[in-house]
C-alpha atoms as a PDB file:
ATOM      1  CA  MET A   1     179.220 -80.253 -60.610  1.00  0.00           C
ATOM      2  CA  ILE A   2     177.030 -82.062 -58.093  1.00  0.00           C
ATOM      3  CA  SER A   3     179.547 -83.720 -55.835  1.00  0.00           C
ATOM      4  CA  LYS A   4     183.301 -83.990 -55.671  1.00  0.00           C
ATOM      5  CA  ASN A   5     182.990 -87.619 -54.637  1.00  0.00           C
ATOM      6  CA  GLU A   6     180.499 -89.662 -56.650  1.00  0.00           C
ATOM      7  CA  ASN A   7     181.218 -92.673 -54.431  1.00  0.00           C
ATOM      8  CA  VAL A   8     179.955 -90.971 -51.263  1.00  0.00           C
ATOM      9  CA  LEU A   9     177.270 -93.599 -50.747  1.00  0.00           C
ATOM     10  CA  ILE A  10     179.477 -96.662 -50.638  1.00  0.00           C
ATOM     11  CA  SER A  11     182.201 -94.800 -48.733  1.00  0.00           C
ATOM     12  CA  LYS A  12     179.696 -94.064 -45.953  1.00  0.00           C
ATOM     13  CA  LEU A  13     178.412 -97.623 -45.906  1.00  0.00           C
ATOM     14  CA  LEU A  14     181.854 -99.135 -45.486  1.00  0.00           C
ATOM     15  CA  ASP A  15     182.088 -97.448 -42.077  1.00  0.00           C
ATOM     16  CA  ARG A  16     179.114 -99.332 -40.643  1.00  0.00           C
ATOM     17  CA  ASP A  17     179.189-102.881 -39.311  1.00  0.00           C
ATOM     18  CA  VAL A  18     178.038-105.625 -41.662  1.00  0.00           C
ATOM     19  CA  ILE A  19     175.631-108.107 -40.138  1.00  0.00           C
ATOM     20  CA  SER A  20     176.168-111.438 -41.844  1.00  0.00           C
ATOM     21  CA  LEU A  21     175.608-115.157 -41.482  1.00  0.00           C
ATOM     22  CA  ASN A  22     177.976-118.080 -41.473  1.00  0.00           C
ATOM     23  CA  GLU A  23     177.108-120.910 -43.831  1.00  0.00           C
ATOM     24  CA  ASN A  24     176.579-123.165 -40.786  1.00  0.00           C
ATOM     25  CA  ASP A  25     173.934-120.928 -39.172  1.00  0.00           C
ATOM     26  CA  THR A  26     170.352-122.172 -39.004  1.00  0.00           C
ATOM     27  CA  ILE A  27     167.424-120.627 -40.821  1.00  0.00           C
ATOM     28  CA  TYR A  28     165.892-119.904 -37.424  1.00  0.00           C
ATOM     29  CA  HIS A  29     168.991-117.932 -36.366  1.00  0.00           C
ATOM     30  CA  ALA A  30     168.883-115.993 -39.652  1.00  0.00           C
ATOM     31  CA  ILE A  31     165.216-115.102 -39.161  1.00  0.00           C
ATOM     32  CA  ASN A  32     165.999-113.843 -35.662  1.00  0.00           C
ATOM     33  CA  LEU A  33     168.784-111.593 -37.003  1.00  0.00           C
ATOM     34  CA  LEU A  34     166.535-110.182 -39.732  1.00  0.00           C
ATOM     35  CA  SER A  35     163.934-109.387 -37.100  1.00  0.00           C
ATOM     36  CA  LYS A  36     166.358-108.034 -34.486  1.00  0.00           C
ATOM     37  CA  TYR A  37     168.036-105.603 -36.896  1.00  0.00           C
ATOM     38  CA  ASN A  38     164.910-104.877 -38.973  1.00  0.00           C
ATOM     39  CA  ILE A  39     166.658-105.744 -42.235  1.00  0.00           C
ATOM     40  CA  GLY A  40     165.637-107.713 -45.318  1.00  0.00           C
ATOM     41  CA  ALA A  41     168.757-109.675 -46.229  1.00  0.00           C
ATOM     42  CA  LEU A  42     171.993-111.053 -44.837  1.00  0.00           C
ATOM     43  CA  PRO A  43     175.161-111.913 -46.743  1.00  0.00           C
ATOM     44  CA  VAL A  44     176.375-115.471 -46.064  1.00  0.00           C
ATOM     45  CA  ILE A  45     180.106-116.010 -45.597  1.00  0.00           C
ATOM     46  CA  LYS A  46     182.048-119.244 -45.497  1.00  0.00           C
ATOM     47  CA  ASN A  47     185.293-118.600 -43.672  1.00  0.00           C
ATOM     48  CA  GLN A  48     187.259-116.218 -41.466  1.00  0.00           C
ATOM     49  CA  LYS A  49     188.252-114.173 -44.520  1.00  0.00           C
ATOM     50  CA  LYS A  50     184.574-113.354 -45.053  1.00  0.00           C
ATOM     51  CA  THR A  51     184.364-114.984 -48.470  1.00  0.00           C
ATOM     52  CA  LEU A  52     180.856-114.357 -49.785  1.00  0.00           C
ATOM     53  CA  CYS A  53     179.042-117.567 -50.728  1.00  0.00           C
ATOM     54  CA  GLY A  54     175.415-116.424 -50.879  1.00  0.00           C
ATOM     55  CA  ILE A  55     172.715-114.120 -49.612  1.00  0.00           C
ATOM     56  CA  PHE A  56     169.784-114.972 -47.364  1.00  0.00           C
ATOM     57  CA  SER A  57     166.677-112.828 -47.802  1.00  0.00           C
ATOM     58  CA  GLU A  58     163.033-112.544 -46.892  1.00  0.00           C
ATOM     59  CA  ARG A  59     162.210-113.957 -50.316  1.00  0.00           C
ATOM     60  CA  ASP A  60     164.182-117.123 -49.519  1.00  0.00           C
ATOM     61  CA  ILE A  61     162.138-117.587 -46.335  1.00  0.00           C
ATOM     62  CA  ILE A  62     158.815-117.093 -48.111  1.00  0.00           C
ATOM     63  CA  ARG A  63     159.796-119.497 -50.896  1.00  0.00           C
ATOM     64  CA  GLU A  64     160.814-122.122 -48.318  1.00  0.00           C
ATOM     65  CA  LEU A  65     157.639-121.715 -46.285  1.00  0.00           C
ATOM     66  CA  ALA A  66     155.495-121.956 -49.398  1.00  0.00           C
ATOM     67  CA  ASN A  67     157.193-125.172 -50.489  1.00  0.00           C
ATOM     68  CA  ASN A  68     157.993-126.871 -47.171  1.00  0.00           C
ATOM     69  CA  ILE A  69     155.979-125.278 -44.404  1.00  0.00           C
ATOM     70  CA  LYS A  70     156.466-128.292 -42.142  1.00  0.00           C
ATOM     71  CA  ASN A  71     160.291-128.127 -42.128  1.00  0.00           C
ATOM     72  CA  ASN A  72     161.911-127.385 -38.787  1.00  0.00           C
ATOM     73  CA  LEU A  73     163.706-124.090 -39.316  1.00  0.00           C
ATOM     74  CA  LYS A  74     165.815-124.656 -36.194  1.00  0.00           C
ATOM     75  CA  LYS A  75     167.468-127.711 -37.747  1.00  0.00           C
ATOM     76  CA  HIS A  76     168.065-126.601 -41.336  1.00  0.00           C
ATOM     77  CA  PHE A  77     171.037-124.477 -42.356  1.00  0.00           C
ATOM     78  CA  VAL A  78     170.761-121.245 -44.327  1.00  0.00           C
ATOM     79  CA  THR A  79     172.672-122.898 -47.181  1.00  0.00           C
ATOM     80  CA  THR A  80     169.632-125.087 -47.899  1.00  0.00           C
ATOM     81  CA  ILE A  81     167.535-122.126 -49.018  1.00  0.00           C
ATOM     82  CA  MET A  82     169.846-119.143 -49.576  1.00  0.00           C
ATOM     83  CA  THR A  83     170.453-117.598 -52.970  1.00  0.00           C
ATOM     84  CA  TYR A  84     173.811-118.719 -54.359  1.00  0.00           C
ATOM     85  CA  LYS A  85     173.914-116.520 -57.449  1.00  0.00           C
ATOM     86  CA  VAL A  86     174.603-113.193 -55.778  1.00  0.00           C
ATOM     87  CA  ILE A  87     174.696-109.883 -57.583  1.00  0.00           C
ATOM     88  CA  THR A  88     177.535-107.858 -56.073  1.00  0.00           C
ATOM     89  CA  CYS A  89     179.227-104.509 -56.483  1.00  0.00           C
ATOM     90  CA  ASN A  90     182.564-103.031 -55.517  1.00  0.00           C
ATOM     91  CA  LYS A  91     183.394 -99.908 -53.573  1.00  0.00           C
ATOM     92  CA  TYR A  92     183.625 -97.859 -56.782  1.00  0.00           C
ATOM     93  CA  THR A  93     180.062 -98.503 -57.978  1.00  0.00           C
ATOM     94  CA  LYS A  94     178.013 -95.299 -58.203  1.00  0.00           C
ATOM     95  CA  SER A  95     174.517 -94.887 -56.791  1.00  0.00           C
ATOM     96  CA  ASP A  96     172.841 -94.448 -60.189  1.00  0.00           C
ATOM     97  CA  GLU A  97     174.514 -97.666 -61.387  1.00  0.00           C
ATOM     98  CA  LEU A  98     173.283 -99.457 -58.258  1.00  0.00           C
ATOM     99  CA  MET A  99     169.714 -98.312 -58.881  1.00  0.00           C
ATOM    100  CA  ASP A 100     169.931 -99.614 -62.435  1.00  0.00           C
ATOM    101  CA  ILE A 101     171.331-102.989 -61.289  1.00  0.00           C
ATOM    102  CA  MET A 102     168.655-103.348 -58.589  1.00  0.00           C
ATOM    103  CA  THR A 103     165.853-102.456 -60.984  1.00  0.00           C
ATOM    104  CA  LYS A 104     166.984-104.767 -63.795  1.00  0.00           C
ATOM    105  CA  ASN A 105     167.597-107.720 -61.466  1.00  0.00           C
ATOM    106  CA  LYS A 106     164.659-107.102 -59.111  1.00  0.00           C
ATOM    107  CA  VAL A 107     166.854-107.191 -55.997  1.00  0.00           C
ATOM    108  CA  ARG A 108     166.832-104.913 -52.973  1.00  0.00           C
ATOM    109  CA  HIS A 109     170.220-105.767 -51.445  1.00  0.00           C
ATOM    110  CA  ILE A 110     173.677-105.939 -52.986  1.00  0.00           C
ATOM    111  CA  PRO A 111     176.752-107.085 -51.066  1.00  0.00           C
ATOM    112  CA  ILE A 112     179.857-104.950 -51.546  1.00  0.00           C
ATOM    113  CA  ILE A 113     182.903-107.109 -52.133  1.00  0.00           C
ATOM    114  CA  GLU A 114     186.629-106.690 -52.536  1.00  0.00           C
ATOM    115  CA  GLY A 115     187.963-109.696 -54.395  1.00  0.00           C
ATOM    116  CA  GLU A 116     185.750-112.462 -52.973  1.00  0.00           C
ATOM    117  CA  ASN A 117     185.505-110.923 -49.499  1.00  0.00           C
ATOM    118  CA  LEU A 118     182.486-109.143 -48.078  1.00  0.00           C
ATOM    119  CA  ILE A 119     183.182-105.564 -47.017  1.00  0.00           C
ATOM    120  CA  GLY A 120     179.634-104.173 -46.837  1.00  0.00           C
ATOM    121  CA  ILE A 121     176.070-104.361 -48.071  1.00  0.00           C
ATOM    122  CA  ILE A 122     173.814-101.796 -49.701  1.00  0.00           C
ATOM    123  CA  SER A 123     170.023-101.730 -49.702  1.00  0.00           C
ATOM    124  CA  ILE A 124     167.525-100.045 -51.985  1.00  0.00           C
ATOM    125  CA  GLY A 125     166.795 -97.638 -49.124  1.00  0.00           C
ATOM    126  CA  ASP A 126     170.455 -96.585 -49.027  1.00  0.00           C
ATOM    127  CA  VAL A 127     170.429 -95.941 -52.777  1.00  0.00           C
ATOM    128  CA  VAL A 128     167.186 -93.951 -52.721  1.00  0.00           C
ATOM    129  CA  LYS A 129     168.462 -91.846 -49.818  1.00  0.00           C
ATOM    130  CA  ARG A 130     171.667 -91.059 -51.739  1.00  0.00           C
ATOM    131  CA  LEU A 131     169.802 -90.204 -54.947  1.00  0.00           C
ATOM    132  CA  ILE A 132     167.579 -87.788 -53.001  1.00  0.00           C
ATOM    133  CA  GLU A 133     170.725 -86.184 -51.516  1.00  0.00           C
ATOM    134  CA  LYS A 134     172.147 -85.792 -55.034  1.00  0.00           C
ATOM    135  CA  PHE A 135     168.908 -84.244 -56.347  1.00  0.00           C
ATOM    136  CA  ASN A 136     168.815 -81.822 -53.405  1.00  0.00           C
ATOM    137  CA  LEU A 137     172.441 -80.813 -54.011  1.00  0.00           C
ATOM    138  CA  GLU A 138     171.724 -80.273 -57.689  1.00  0.00           C
ATOM    139  CA  ASN A 139     168.608 -78.287 -56.831  1.00  0.00           C
ATOM    140  CA  ASP A 140     170.570 -76.074 -54.419  1.00  0.00           C
ATOM    141  CA  TYR A 141     173.283 -75.572 -57.040  1.00  0.00           C
ATOM    142  CA  LEU A 142     170.752 -74.540 -59.678  1.00  0.00           C
ATOM    143  CA  LYS A 143     168.985 -72.205 -57.235  1.00  0.00           C
ATOM    144  CA  SER A 144     172.294 -70.512 -56.465  1.00  0.00           C
ATOM    145  CA  TRP A 145     172.543 -69.534 -60.132  1.00  0.00           C
ATOM    146  CA  LEU A 146     169.060 -68.016 -60.104  1.00  0.00           C
ATOM    147  CA  TYR A 147     169.263 -65.984 -56.901  1.00  0.00           C
END
């Protein structure tokens, strides 16, 4: 028995504020948010209900700059370069499942949704931190049997 609550990771993350973009925000605004909060991706929502419609990441910026370096990022909307096919999870997804999903799909951020609505986001750093916590708990449990 490692933990009574295998969903500790997502439960903790649902308590923090989600920084997101509106589909009408500019690429320039998105870049400023990524920089200000020192994060790598932002979920994009399309209405007051927070319906997820995409994700905007550092990779989207690099791809855009590589293809259209002369574009004015202050005039273009995030929807012109964001990723529309978003890999998501729900609040019941376990940390080991998340690691598997991230590894197989080569993504570092997964929005947490309920229905179609954004309720959180999880990063690879969050998952690694939780897996280390689980390994430490297991280690402590095993040590308690030896000593």
